[in-house]
Amino acid sequence: MRRTREVPDVTSGVSTRGAQALHRACRARAAVRGRDHVVPDDIHDLAIPVLAHRLSVRGGPDVAEAIITELVQSVPSPD
């Protein structure tokens, strides 16, 4: 979540509690889908709903969603 604090339009990045919320949401989704592990799609699909409202940005919610999308896509998935 450190990277959310490095974006120029962000006035307040995602906190540790935000990262924990994403972790819990991904684990819950995996469990509901019968898996005992999180896959990259869980993170990609849940990052915006879990994290976007936790950012304080110049420009509003659409900017927050775009920032989260860009950051998630910039991290390579494991092979």
PDB file of N, CA and C in Angstrom:
ATOM      1  N   MET A   1       0.807  -1.184   0.000  1.00  0.00           N
ATOM      2  CA  MET A   1       0.000   0.000   0.000  1.00  0.00           C
ATOM      3  C   MET A   1       0.861   1.264   0.000  1.00  0.00           C
ATOM      4  N   ARG A   2       2.139   1.069   0.188  1.00  0.00           N
ATOM      5  CA  ARG A   2       3.067   2.197   0.145  1.00  0.00           C
ATOM      6  C   ARG A   2       2.978   2.927  -1.187  1.00  0.00           C
ATOM      7  N   ARG A   3       2.818   2.177  -2.257  1.00  0.00           N
ATOM      8  CA  ARG A   3       2.775   2.790  -3.592  1.00  0.00           C
ATOM      9  C   ARG A   3       1.603   3.739  -3.754  1.00  0.00           C
ATOM     10  N   THR A   4       0.519   3.536  -3.005  1.00  0.00           N
ATOM     11  CA  THR A   4      -0.606   4.469  -3.120  1.00  0.00           C
ATOM     12  C   THR A   4      -0.248   5.843  -2.574  1.00  0.00           C
ATOM     13  N   ARG A   5       0.763   5.903  -1.732  1.00  0.00           N
ATOM     14  CA  ARG A   5       1.190   7.193  -1.166  1.00  0.00           C
ATOM     15  C   ARG A   5       2.192   7.908  -2.055  1.00  0.00           C
ATOM     16  N   GLU A   6       2.660   7.252  -3.106  1.00  0.00           N
ATOM     17  CA  GLU A   6       3.661   7.826  -3.994  1.00  0.00           C
ATOM     18  C   GLU A   6       3.061   8.459  -5.242  1.00  0.00           C
ATOM     19  N   VAL A   7       1.750   8.337  -5.425  1.00  0.00           N
ATOM     20  CA  VAL A   7       1.076   8.894  -6.597  1.00  0.00           C
ATOM     21  C   VAL A   7       0.790  10.374  -6.328  1.00  0.00           C
ATOM     22  N   PRO A   8       1.138  11.272  -7.265  1.00  0.00           N
ATOM     23  CA  PRO A   8       0.986  12.708  -7.028  1.00  0.00           C
ATOM     24  C   PRO A   8      -0.427  13.180  -6.667  1.00  0.00           C
ATOM     25  N   ASP A   9      -1.463  12.593  -7.245  1.00  0.00           N
ATOM     26  CA  ASP A   9      -2.834  13.042  -6.984  1.00  0.00           C
ATOM     27  C   ASP A   9      -3.414  12.514  -5.677  1.00  0.00           C
ATOM     28  N   VAL A  10      -2.706  11.641  -5.005  1.00  0.00           N
ATOM     29  CA  VAL A  10      -3.194  11.057  -3.758  1.00  0.00           C
ATOM     30  C   VAL A  10      -2.753  11.924  -2.579  1.00  0.00           C
ATOM     31  N   THR A  11      -3.729  12.352  -1.784  1.00  0.00           N
ATOM     32  CA  THR A  11      -3.394  13.149  -0.600  1.00  0.00           C
ATOM     33  C   THR A  11      -3.288  12.272   0.645  1.00  0.00           C
ATOM     34  N   SER A  12      -3.937  11.121   0.615  1.00  0.00           N
ATOM     35  CA  SER A  12      -3.841  10.167   1.718  1.00  0.00           C
ATOM     36  C   SER A  12      -3.987   8.762   1.139  1.00  0.00           C
ATOM     37  N   GLY A  13      -2.931   7.952   1.261  1.00  0.00           N
ATOM     38  CA  GLY A  13      -2.917   6.620   0.668  1.00  0.00           C
ATOM     39  C   GLY A  13      -3.629   5.585   1.516  1.00  0.00           C
ATOM     40  N   VAL A  14      -3.639   4.354   1.031  1.00  0.00           N
ATOM     41  CA  VAL A  14      -4.282   3.238   1.718  1.00  0.00           C
ATOM     42  C   VAL A  14      -3.442   2.871   2.942  1.00  0.00           C
ATOM     43  N   SER A  15      -4.103   2.703   4.057  1.00  0.00           N
ATOM     44  CA  SER A  15      -3.426   2.372   5.308  1.00  0.00           C
ATOM     45  C   SER A  15      -3.215   0.867   5.436  1.00  0.00           C
ATOM     46  N   THR A  16      -2.556   0.491   6.501  1.00  0.00           N
ATOM     47  CA  THR A  16      -2.362  -0.928   6.801  1.00  0.00           C
ATOM     48  C   THR A  16      -3.702  -1.616   6.976  1.00  0.00           C
ATOM     49  N   ARG A  17      -4.650  -0.936   7.597  1.00  0.00           N
ATOM     50  CA  ARG A  17      -5.983  -1.528   7.753  1.00  0.00           C
ATOM     51  C   ARG A  17      -6.644  -1.775   6.400  1.00  0.00           C
ATOM     52  N   GLY A  18      -6.384  -0.920   5.433  1.00  0.00           N
ATOM     53  CA  GLY A  18      -6.902  -1.140   4.087  1.00  0.00           C
ATOM     54  C   GLY A  18      -6.303  -2.379   3.451  1.00  0.00           C
ATOM     55  N   ALA A  19      -5.002  -2.566   3.648  1.00  0.00           N
ATOM     56  CA  ALA A  19      -4.340  -3.760   3.125  1.00  0.00           C
ATOM     57  C   ALA A  19      -4.894  -5.014   3.791  1.00  0.00           C
ATOM     58  N   GLN A  20      -5.143  -4.930   5.087  1.00  0.00           N
ATOM     59  CA  GLN A  20      -5.719  -6.068   5.800  1.00  0.00           C
ATOM     60  C   GLN A  20      -7.128  -6.365   5.304  1.00  0.00           C
ATOM     61  N   ALA A  21      -7.886  -5.330   5.004  1.00  0.00           N
ATOM     62  CA  ALA A  21      -9.245  -5.528   4.488  1.00  0.00           C
ATOM     63  C   ALA A  21      -9.208  -6.238   3.138  1.00  0.00           C
ATOM     64  N   LEU A  22      -8.275  -5.848   2.267  1.00  0.00           N
ATOM     65  CA  LEU A  22      -8.144  -6.519   0.973  1.00  0.00           C
ATOM     66  C   LEU A  22      -7.745  -7.983   1.181  1.00  0.00           C
ATOM     67  N   HIS A  23      -6.833  -8.226   2.083  1.00  0.00           N
ATOM     68  CA  HIS A  23      -6.400  -9.594   2.376  1.00  0.00           C
ATOM     69  C   HIS A  23      -7.576 -10.445   2.846  1.00  0.00           C
ATOM     70  N   ARG A  24      -8.345  -9.931   3.788  1.00  0.00           N
ATOM     71  CA  ARG A  24      -9.503 -10.683   4.309  1.00  0.00           C
ATOM     72  C   ARG A  24     -10.547 -10.921   3.218  1.00  0.00           C
ATOM     73  N   ALA A  25     -10.805  -9.904   2.399  1.00  0.00           N
ATOM     74  CA  ALA A  25     -11.797 -10.050   1.334  1.00  0.00           C
ATOM     75  C   ALA A  25     -11.364 -11.106   0.326  1.00  0.00           C
ATOM     76  N   CYS A  26     -10.085 -11.100  -0.028  1.00  0.00           N
ATOM     77  CA  CYS A  26      -9.575 -12.092  -0.980  1.00  0.00           C
ATOM     78  C   CYS A  26      -9.628 -13.505  -0.403  1.00  0.00           C
ATOM     79  N   ARG A  27      -9.284 -13.643   0.869  1.00  0.00           N
ATOM     80  CA  ARG A  27      -9.356 -14.966   1.503  1.00  0.00           C
ATOM     81  C   ARG A  27     -10.805 -15.456   1.569  1.00  0.00           C
ATOM     82  N   ALA A  28     -11.726 -14.557   1.872  1.00  0.00           N
ATOM     83  CA  ALA A  28     -13.143 -14.932   1.942  1.00  0.00           C
ATOM     84  C   ALA A  28     -13.652 -15.360   0.566  1.00  0.00           C
ATOM     85  N   ARG A  29     -13.284 -14.621  -0.463  1.00  0.00           N
ATOM     86  CA  ARG A  29     -13.713 -14.980  -1.819  1.00  0.00           C
ATOM     87  C   ARG A  29     -13.161 -16.349  -2.212  1.00  0.00           C
ATOM     88  N   ALA A  30     -11.898 -16.586  -1.894  1.00  0.00           N
ATOM     89  CA  ALA A  30     -11.304 -17.887  -2.211  1.00  0.00           C
ATOM     90  C   ALA A  30     -12.056 -19.001  -1.496  1.00  0.00           C
ATOM     91  N   ALA A  31     -12.378 -18.793  -0.230  1.00  0.00           N
ATOM     92  CA  ALA A  31     -13.091 -19.820   0.542  1.00  0.00           C
ATOM     93  C   ALA A  31     -14.471 -20.083  -0.032  1.00  0.00           C
ATOM     94  N   VAL A  32     -15.166 -19.033  -0.399  1.00  0.00           N
ATOM     95  CA  VAL A  32     -16.512 -19.183  -0.974  1.00  0.00           C
ATOM     96  C   VAL A  32     -16.442 -19.968  -2.285  1.00  0.00           C
ATOM     97  N   ARG A  33     -15.360 -19.793  -2.998  1.00  0.00           N
ATOM     98  CA  ARG A  33     -15.190 -20.492  -4.274  1.00  0.00           C
ATOM     99  C   ARG A  33     -14.510 -21.854  -4.119  1.00  0.00           C
ATOM    100  N   GLY A  34     -14.350 -22.302  -2.872  1.00  0.00           N
ATOM    101  CA  GLY A  34     -13.833 -23.636  -2.614  1.00  0.00           C
ATOM    102  C   GLY A  34     -12.330 -23.776  -2.693  1.00  0.00           C
ATOM    103  N   ARG A  35     -11.623 -22.660  -2.606  1.00  0.00           N
ATOM    104  CA  ARG A  35     -10.166 -22.721  -2.655  1.00  0.00           C
ATOM    105  C   ARG A  35      -9.590 -22.416  -1.280  1.00  0.00           C
ATOM    106  N   ASP A  36      -8.400 -22.935  -1.017  1.00  0.00           N
ATOM    107  CA  ASP A  36      -7.724 -22.620   0.240  1.00  0.00           C
ATOM    108  C   ASP A  36      -6.585 -21.629   0.011  1.00  0.00           C
ATOM    109  N   HIS A  37      -6.597 -20.971  -1.137  1.00  0.00           N
ATOM    110  CA  HIS A  37      -5.567 -20.000  -1.480  1.00  0.00           C
ATOM    111  C   HIS A  37      -6.168 -18.887  -2.348  1.00  0.00           C
ATOM    112  N   VAL A  38      -5.532 -17.747  -2.317  1.00  0.00           N
ATOM    113  CA  VAL A  38      -5.934 -16.590  -3.108  1.00  0.00           C
ATOM    114  C   VAL A  38      -5.223 -16.650  -4.454  1.00  0.00           C
ATOM    115  N   VAL A  39      -5.930 -16.290  -5.514  1.00  0.00           N
ATOM    116  CA  VAL A  39      -5.329 -16.220  -6.846  1.00  0.00           C
ATOM    117  C   VAL A  39      -5.309 -14.761  -7.297  1.00  0.00           C
ATOM    118  N   PRO A  40      -4.470 -14.432  -8.274  1.00  0.00           N
ATOM    119  CA  PRO A  40      -4.385 -13.043  -8.731  1.00  0.00           C
ATOM    120  C   PRO A  40      -5.726 -12.428  -9.129  1.00  0.00           C
ATOM    121  N   ASP A  41      -6.627 -13.229  -9.695  1.00  0.00           N
ATOM    122  CA  ASP A  41      -7.938 -12.694 -10.084  1.00  0.00           C
ATOM    123  C   ASP A  41      -8.721 -12.177  -8.875  1.00  0.00           C
ATOM    124  N   ASP A  42      -8.552 -12.801  -7.722  1.00  0.00           N
ATOM    125  CA  ASP A  42      -9.215 -12.312  -6.511  1.00  0.00           C
ATOM    126  C   ASP A  42      -8.778 -10.880  -6.216  1.00  0.00           C
ATOM    127  N   ILE A  43      -7.489 -10.653  -6.278  1.00  0.00           N
ATOM    128  CA  ILE A  43      -6.955  -9.321  -5.994  1.00  0.00           C
ATOM    129  C   ILE A  43      -7.414  -8.325  -7.048  1.00  0.00           C
ATOM    130  N   HIS A  44      -7.316  -8.697  -8.305  1.00  0.00           N
ATOM    131  CA  HIS A  44      -7.726  -7.804  -9.386  1.00  0.00           C
ATOM    132  C   HIS A  44      -9.201  -7.421  -9.264  1.00  0.00           C
ATOM    133  N   ASP A  45     -10.040  -8.386  -8.935  1.00  0.00           N
ATOM    134  CA  ASP A  45     -11.480  -8.137  -8.876  1.00  0.00           C
ATOM    135  C   ASP A  45     -11.910  -7.377  -7.625  1.00  0.00           C
ATOM    136  N   LEU A  46     -11.185  -7.507  -6.533  1.00  0.00           N
ATOM    137  CA  LEU A  46     -11.607  -6.892  -5.272  1.00  0.00           C
ATOM    138  C   LEU A  46     -10.868  -5.610  -4.917  1.00  0.00           C
ATOM    139  N   ALA A  47      -9.790  -5.305  -5.597  1.00  0.00           N
ATOM    140  CA  ALA A  47      -8.990  -4.131  -5.229  1.00  0.00           C
ATOM    141  C   ALA A  47      -9.796  -2.839  -5.288  1.00  0.00           C
ATOM    142  N   ILE A  48     -10.550  -2.611  -6.343  1.00  0.00           N
ATOM    143  CA  ILE A  48     -11.305  -1.354  -6.445  1.00  0.00           C
ATOM    144  C   ILE A  48     -12.385  -1.262  -5.382  1.00  0.00           C
ATOM    145  N   PRO A  49     -13.265  -2.251  -5.243  1.00  0.00           N
ATOM    146  CA  PRO A  49     -14.310  -2.095  -4.223  1.00  0.00           C
ATOM    147  C   PRO A  49     -13.780  -2.005  -2.796  1.00  0.00           C
ATOM    148  N   VAL A  50     -12.643  -2.625  -2.522  1.00  0.00           N
ATOM    149  CA  VAL A  50     -12.111  -2.613  -1.152  1.00  0.00           C
ATOM    150  C   VAL A  50     -11.242  -1.384  -0.894  1.00  0.00           C
ATOM    151  N   LEU A  51     -10.491  -0.932  -1.897  1.00  0.00           N
ATOM    152  CA  LEU A  51      -9.487   0.103  -1.651  1.00  0.00           C
ATOM    153  C   LEU A  51      -9.820   1.504  -2.147  1.00  0.00           C
ATOM    154  N   ALA A  52     -10.592   1.628  -3.216  1.00  0.00           N
ATOM    155  CA  ALA A  52     -10.776   2.948  -3.836  1.00  0.00           C
ATOM    156  C   ALA A  52     -11.346   3.985  -2.870  1.00  0.00           C
ATOM    157  N   HIS A  53     -12.294   3.599  -2.051  1.00  0.00           N
ATOM    158  CA  HIS A  53     -12.881   4.588  -1.132  1.00  0.00           C
ATOM    159  C   HIS A  53     -11.946   4.930   0.024  1.00  0.00           C
ATOM    160  N   ARG A  54     -10.853   4.205   0.148  1.00  0.00           N
ATOM    161  CA  ARG A  54      -9.889   4.471   1.222  1.00  0.00           C
ATOM    162  C   ARG A  54      -8.832   5.495   0.816  1.00  0.00           C
ATOM    163  N   LEU A  55      -8.818   5.879  -0.445  1.00  0.00           N
ATOM    164  CA  LEU A  55      -7.872   6.883  -0.927  1.00  0.00           C
ATOM    165  C   LEU A  55      -8.501   8.269  -0.847  1.00  0.00           C
ATOM    166  N   SER A  56      -7.705   9.242  -0.471  1.00  0.00           N
ATOM    167  CA  SER A  56      -8.104  10.641  -0.598  1.00  0.00           C
ATOM    168  C   SER A  56      -7.332  11.183  -1.789  1.00  0.00           C
ATOM    169  N   VAL A  57      -8.079  11.576  -2.814  1.00  0.00           N
ATOM    170  CA  VAL A  57      -7.438  12.017  -4.054  1.00  0.00           C
ATOM    171  C   VAL A  57      -8.020  13.334  -4.536  1.00  0.00           C
ATOM    172  N   ARG A  58      -7.236  14.010  -5.344  1.00  0.00           N
ATOM    173  CA  ARG A  58      -7.743  15.183  -6.054  1.00  0.00           C
ATOM    174  C   ARG A  58      -8.457  14.648  -7.289  1.00  0.00           C
ATOM    175  N   GLY A  59      -9.722  14.939  -7.439  1.00  0.00           N
ATOM    176  CA  GLY A  59     -10.431  14.528  -8.645  1.00  0.00           C
ATOM    177  C   GLY A  59     -11.609  13.606  -8.426  1.00  0.00           C
ATOM    178  N   GLY A  60     -11.778  13.044  -7.256  1.00  0.00           N
ATOM    179  CA  GLY A  60     -12.961  12.251  -6.967  1.00  0.00           C
ATOM    180  C   GLY A  60     -12.795  10.756  -7.138  1.00  0.00           C
ATOM    181  N   PRO A  61     -13.926  10.049  -7.007  1.00  0.00           N
ATOM    182  CA  PRO A  61     -13.887   8.581  -6.983  1.00  0.00           C
ATOM    183  C   PRO A  61     -13.396   7.938  -8.279  1.00  0.00           C
ATOM    184  N   ASP A  62     -13.666   8.566  -9.424  1.00  0.00           N
ATOM    185  CA  ASP A  62     -13.189   7.969 -10.680  1.00  0.00           C
ATOM    186  C   ASP A  62     -11.667   7.967 -10.743  1.00  0.00           C
ATOM    187  N   VAL A  63     -11.059   9.011 -10.200  1.00  0.00           N
ATOM    188  CA  VAL A  63      -9.598   9.088 -10.171  1.00  0.00           C
ATOM    189  C   VAL A  63      -9.048   8.012  -9.232  1.00  0.00           C
ATOM    190  N   ALA A  64      -9.689   7.818  -8.084  1.00  0.00           N
ATOM    191  CA  ALA A  64      -9.253   6.796  -7.135  1.00  0.00           C
ATOM    192  C   ALA A  64      -9.308   5.414  -7.778  1.00  0.00           C
ATOM    193  N   GLU A  65     -10.377   5.125  -8.481  1.00  0.00           N
ATOM    194  CA  GLU A  65     -10.503   3.825  -9.142  1.00  0.00           C
ATOM    195  C   GLU A  65      -9.420   3.643 -10.202  1.00  0.00           C
ATOM    196  N   ALA A  66      -9.139   4.694 -10.958  1.00  0.00           N
ATOM    197  CA  ALA A  66      -8.106   4.613 -11.997  1.00  0.00           C
ATOM    198  C   ALA A  66      -6.736   4.376 -11.378  1.00  0.00           C
ATOM    199  N   ILE A  67      -6.461   5.024 -10.254  1.00  0.00           N
ATOM    200  CA  ILE A  67      -5.168   4.844  -9.584  1.00  0.00           C
ATOM    201  C   ILE A  67      -5.017   3.415  -9.087  1.00  0.00           C
ATOM    202  N   ILE A  68      -6.058   2.874  -8.446  1.00  0.00           N
ATOM    203  CA  ILE A  68      -5.996   1.497  -7.953  1.00  0.00           C
ATOM    204  C   ILE A  68      -5.816   0.526  -9.120  1.00  0.00           C
ATOM    205  N   THR A  69      -6.557   0.736 -10.196  1.00  0.00           N
ATOM    206  CA  THR A  69      -6.441  -0.130 -11.370  1.00  0.00           C
ATOM    207  C   THR A  69      -5.025  -0.108 -11.920  1.00  0.00           C
ATOM    208  N   GLU A  70      -4.461   1.076 -12.055  1.00  0.00           N
ATOM    209  CA  GLU A  70      -3.104   1.197 -12.591  1.00  0.00           C
ATOM    210  C   GLU A  70      -2.084   0.516 -11.689  1.00  0.00           C
ATOM    211  N   LEU A  71      -2.218   0.695 -10.386  1.00  0.00           N
ATOM    212  CA  LEU A  71      -1.265   0.080  -9.462  1.00  0.00           C
ATOM    213  C   LEU A  71      -1.366  -1.442  -9.471  1.00  0.00           C
ATOM    214  N   VAL A  72      -2.578  -1.967  -9.497  1.00  0.00           N
ATOM    215  CA  VAL A  72      -2.757  -3.430  -9.510  1.00  0.00           C
ATOM    216  C   VAL A  72      -2.194  -4.018 -10.801  1.00  0.00           C
ATOM    217  N   GLN A  73      -2.432  -3.352 -11.899  1.00  0.00           N
ATOM    218  CA  GLN A  73      -1.949  -3.863 -13.183  1.00  0.00           C
ATOM    219  C   GLN A  73      -0.447  -3.744 -13.329  1.00  0.00           C
ATOM    220  N   SER A  74       0.181  -2.858 -12.564  1.00  0.00           N
ATOM    221  CA  SER A  74       1.624  -2.685 -12.672  1.00  0.00           C
ATOM    222  C   SER A  74       2.412  -3.765 -11.943  1.00  0.00           C
ATOM    223  N   VAL A  75       1.731  -4.561 -11.130  1.00  0.00           N
ATOM    224  CA  VAL A  75       2.398  -5.636 -10.394  1.00  0.00           C
ATOM    225  C   VAL A  75       2.243  -6.926 -11.186  1.00  0.00           C
ATOM    226  N   PRO A  76       3.339  -7.543 -11.568  1.00  0.00           N
ATOM    227  CA  PRO A  76       3.227  -8.776 -12.360  1.00  0.00           C
ATOM    228  C   PRO A  76       2.659  -9.926 -11.533  1.00  0.00           C
ATOM    229  N   SER A  77       1.828 -10.731 -12.179  1.00  0.00           N
ATOM    230  CA  SER A  77       1.285 -11.918 -11.516  1.00  0.00           C
ATOM    231  C   SER A  77       2.358 -12.995 -11.488  1.00  0.00           C
ATOM    232  N   PRO A  78       2.353 -13.821 -10.443  1.00  0.00           N
ATOM    233  CA  PRO A  78       3.338 -14.911 -10.407  1.00  0.00           C
ATOM    234  C   PRO A  78       3.069 -15.917 -11.514  1.00  0.00           C
ATOM    235  N   ASP A  79       4.101 -16.525 -11.996  1.00  0.00           N
ATOM    236  CA  ASP A  79       3.950 -17.526 -13.080  1.00  0.00           C
ATOM    237  C   ASP A  79       3.528 -18.856 -12.547  1.00  0.00           C
TER     238      ASP A  79
END
